[in-house]
């Protein structure tokens, strides 16, 4: 009788582990679909200086290549550079730099309009 109770407890633990694994895979799959691209220009509360990757001369855009086109990323960077009367020029990008839903960070230089 003790063997049955131990085996039942082991099956229950394995079942719970499988449930957590399934939920984790689903959540990871949903987050990999990609979110809305955004300018990485975070600030600490009460501070005027930026702690994100963007500066007035360099715009950093976080995005997912699965759900965002290069034209959308450039349009967002252009809108940021336009705030200082300039336009965006692609510089480089890095992978796994932002968050799970927007893992790619693209950098643009704000240059004088032609």
C-alpha atoms as a PDB file:
ATOM      1  CA  UNK A   1       0.000   0.000   0.000  1.00  0.00           C
ATOM      2  CA  UNK A   2       2.907   2.416   0.726  1.00  0.00           C
ATOM      3  CA  UNK A   3       4.324   1.872  -2.763  1.00  0.00           C
ATOM      4  CA  UNK A   4       1.046   2.993  -4.342  1.00  0.00           C
ATOM      5  CA  UNK A   5       0.979   6.202  -2.264  1.00  0.00           C
ATOM      6  CA  UNK A   6       4.595   7.029  -3.181  1.00  0.00           C
ATOM      7  CA  UNK A   7       3.995   6.302  -6.856  1.00  0.00           C
ATOM      8  CA  UNK A   8       0.843   8.435  -6.801  1.00  0.00           C
ATOM      9  CA  UNK A   9       2.714  11.338  -5.189  1.00  0.00           C
ATOM     10  CA  UNK A  10       5.476  11.050  -7.787  1.00  0.00           C
ATOM     11  CA  UNK A  11       2.926  11.079 -10.652  1.00  0.00           C
ATOM     12  CA  UNK A  12       1.281  14.169  -9.119  1.00  0.00           C
ATOM     13  CA  UNK A  13       4.626  16.014  -8.968  1.00  0.00           C
ATOM     14  CA  UNK A  14       5.452  15.064 -12.537  1.00  0.00           C
ATOM     15  CA  UNK A  15       1.991  16.199 -13.647  1.00  0.00           C
ATOM     16  CA  UNK A  16       2.424  19.577 -11.914  1.00  0.00           C
ATOM     17  CA  UNK A  17       5.838  20.013 -13.547  1.00  0.00           C
ATOM     18  CA  UNK A  18       4.368  19.275 -16.957  1.00  0.00           C
ATOM     19  CA  UNK A  19       1.614  21.838 -16.353  1.00  0.00           C
ATOM     20  CA  UNK A  20       4.144  24.533 -15.450  1.00  0.00           C
ATOM     21  CA  UNK A  21       6.238  23.661 -18.484  1.00  0.00           C
ATOM     22  CA  UNK A  22       3.195  23.925 -20.765  1.00  0.00           C
ATOM     23  CA  UNK A  23       2.171  27.298 -19.315  1.00  0.00           C
ATOM     24  CA  UNK A  24       5.756  28.591 -19.640  1.00  0.00           C
ATOM     25  CA  UNK A  25       5.971  27.540 -23.288  1.00  0.00           C
ATOM     26  CA  UNK A  26       2.647  29.223 -24.083  1.00  0.00           C
ATOM     27  CA  UNK A  27       3.703  32.465 -22.375  1.00  0.00           C
ATOM     28  CA  UNK A  28       7.040  32.451 -24.151  1.00  0.00           C
ATOM     29  CA  UNK A  29       5.314  31.851 -27.478  1.00  0.00           C
ATOM     30  CA  UNK A  30       2.911  34.731 -26.925  1.00  0.00           C
ATOM     31  CA  UNK A  31       5.696  37.107 -25.905  1.00  0.00           C
ATOM     32  CA  UNK A  32       7.727  36.133 -28.977  1.00  0.00           C
ATOM     33  CA  UNK A  33       4.971  37.452 -31.250  1.00  0.00           C
ATOM     34  CA  UNK A  34       6.354  40.941 -30.802  1.00  0.00           C
ATOM     35  CA  UNK A  35       5.088  44.118 -29.311  1.00  0.00           C
ATOM     36  CA  UNK A  36       4.824  47.716 -30.401  1.00  0.00           C
ATOM     37  CA  UNK A  37       8.199  49.284 -31.236  1.00  0.00           C
ATOM     38  CA  UNK A  38       9.318  52.078 -28.912  1.00  0.00           C
ATOM     39  CA  UNK A  39      12.094  54.606 -28.406  1.00  0.00           C
ATOM     40  CA  UNK A  40      14.464  53.483 -25.651  1.00  0.00           C
ATOM     41  CA  UNK A  41      14.655  56.789 -23.803  1.00  0.00           C
ATOM     42  CA  UNK A  42      13.945  55.910 -20.190  1.00  0.00           C
ATOM     43  CA  UNK A  43      14.559  58.267 -17.290  1.00  0.00           C
ATOM     44  CA  UNK A  44      14.745  57.709 -13.570  1.00  0.00           C
ATOM     45  CA  UNK A  45      11.900  59.331 -11.633  1.00  0.00           C
ATOM     46  CA  UNK A  46      12.723  62.938 -10.806  1.00  0.00           C
ATOM     47  CA  UNK A  47      15.828  63.011 -13.023  1.00  0.00           C
ATOM     48  CA  UNK A  48      16.283  64.927 -16.266  1.00  0.00           C
ATOM     49  CA  UNK A  49      19.107  62.764 -17.632  1.00  0.00           C
ATOM     50  CA  UNK A  50      18.326  59.673 -19.694  1.00  0.00           C
ATOM     51  CA  UNK A  51      19.289  56.163 -18.658  1.00  0.00           C
ATOM     52  CA  UNK A  52      18.030  54.502 -21.856  1.00  0.00           C
ATOM     53  CA  UNK A  53      20.195  54.039 -24.923  1.00  0.00           C
ATOM     54  CA  UNK A  54      18.822  57.114 -26.746  1.00  0.00           C
ATOM     55  CA  UNK A  55      20.447  60.535 -26.690  1.00  0.00           C
ATOM     56  CA  UNK A  56      19.541  63.732 -28.587  1.00  0.00           C
ATOM     57  CA  UNK A  57      22.068  62.749 -31.289  1.00  0.00           C
ATOM     58  CA  UNK A  58      21.423  58.991 -31.345  1.00  0.00           C
ATOM     59  CA  UNK A  59      18.006  57.334 -31.298  1.00  0.00           C
ATOM     60  CA  UNK A  60      17.614  53.738 -30.122  1.00  0.00           C
ATOM     61  CA  UNK A  61      14.469  51.877 -31.193  1.00  0.00           C
ATOM     62  CA  UNK A  62      13.438  48.576 -29.576  1.00  0.00           C
ATOM     63  CA  UNK A  63      11.422  46.342 -31.892  1.00  0.00           C
ATOM     64  CA  UNK A  64      10.631  42.799 -32.994  1.00  0.00           C
ATOM     65  CA  UNK A  65      11.596  41.807 -36.527  1.00  0.00           C
ATOM     66  CA  UNK A  66       8.707  39.321 -36.415  1.00  0.00           C
ATOM     67  CA  UNK A  67       6.053  42.037 -36.211  1.00  0.00           C
ATOM     68  CA  UNK A  68       7.709  45.298 -37.305  1.00  0.00           C
ATOM     69  CA  UNK A  69       8.982  46.316 -40.743  1.00  0.00           C
ATOM     70  CA  UNK A  70      12.215  48.266 -41.271  1.00  0.00           C
ATOM     71  CA  UNK A  71      10.097  51.128 -42.658  1.00  0.00           C
ATOM     72  CA  UNK A  72       8.144  51.339 -39.381  1.00  0.00           C
ATOM     73  CA  UNK A  73      11.368  51.468 -37.362  1.00  0.00           C
ATOM     74  CA  UNK A  74      12.817  54.191 -39.623  1.00  0.00           C
ATOM     75  CA  UNK A  75       9.584  56.199 -39.411  1.00  0.00           C
ATOM     76  CA  UNK A  76       9.734  56.126 -35.593  1.00  0.00           C
ATOM     77  CA  UNK A  77      13.417  57.138 -35.602  1.00  0.00           C
ATOM     78  CA  UNK A  78      12.681  59.931 -38.103  1.00  0.00           C
ATOM     79  CA  UNK A  79       9.916  61.276 -35.875  1.00  0.00           C
ATOM     80  CA  UNK A  80      12.354  61.448 -32.932  1.00  0.00           C
ATOM     81  CA  UNK A  81      15.094  63.153 -34.956  1.00  0.00           C
ATOM     82  CA  UNK A  82      12.532  65.601 -36.397  1.00  0.00           C
ATOM     83  CA  UNK A  83      12.110  67.008 -32.878  1.00  0.00           C
ATOM     84  CA  UNK A  84      15.548  68.606 -33.356  1.00  0.00           C
ATOM     85  CA  UNK A  85      15.063  69.443 -37.053  1.00  0.00           C
ATOM     86  CA  UNK A  86      17.088  66.484 -38.331  1.00  0.00           C
ATOM     87  CA  UNK A  87      16.452  63.126 -39.986  1.00  0.00           C
ATOM     88  CA  UNK A  88      17.444  59.591 -39.002  1.00  0.00           C
ATOM     89  CA  UNK A  89      20.262  57.610 -40.577  1.00  0.00           C
ATOM     90  CA  UNK A  90      20.670  53.901 -39.674  1.00  0.00           C
ATOM     91  CA  UNK A  91      23.852  53.158 -37.730  1.00  0.00           C
ATOM     92  CA  UNK A  92      23.743  49.585 -36.357  1.00  0.00           C
ATOM     93  CA  UNK A  93      21.643  47.175 -34.319  1.00  0.00           C
ATOM     94  CA  UNK A  94      22.045  44.631 -31.530  1.00  0.00           C
ATOM     95  CA  UNK A  95      20.069  41.491 -30.717  1.00  0.00           C
ATOM     96  CA  UNK A  96      18.544  40.515 -27.348  1.00  0.00           C
ATOM     97  CA  UNK A  97      19.032  44.062 -26.131  1.00  0.00           C
ATOM     98  CA  UNK A  98      15.600  45.251 -24.991  1.00  0.00           C
ATOM     99  CA  UNK A  99      12.896  42.858 -23.785  1.00  0.00           C
ATOM    100  CA  UNK A 100      11.288  39.564 -24.816  1.00  0.00           C
ATOM    101  CA  UNK A 101       8.581  41.110 -26.973  1.00  0.00           C
ATOM    102  CA  UNK A 102      10.982  43.597 -28.636  1.00  0.00           C
ATOM    103  CA  UNK A 103      14.429  41.967 -28.510  1.00  0.00           C
ATOM    104  CA  UNK A 104      16.222  44.019 -31.191  1.00  0.00           C
ATOM    105  CA  UNK A 105      17.616  47.521 -30.640  1.00  0.00           C
ATOM    106  CA  UNK A 106      18.345  49.588 -33.755  1.00  0.00           C
ATOM    107  CA  UNK A 107      20.484  52.719 -33.508  1.00  0.00           C
ATOM    108  CA  UNK A 108      20.044  55.754 -35.731  1.00  0.00           C
ATOM    109  CA  UNK A 109      22.135  58.916 -35.920  1.00  0.00           C
ATOM    110  CA  UNK A 110      20.251  62.193 -36.171  1.00  0.00           C
ATOM    111  CA  UNK A 111      21.836  64.036 -39.112  1.00  0.00           C
ATOM    112  CA  UNK A 112      21.197  67.379 -40.786  1.00  0.00           C
ATOM    113  CA  UNK A 113      18.454  67.370 -43.390  1.00  0.00           C
ATOM    114  CA  UNK A 114      19.742  67.357 -46.972  1.00  0.00           C
END
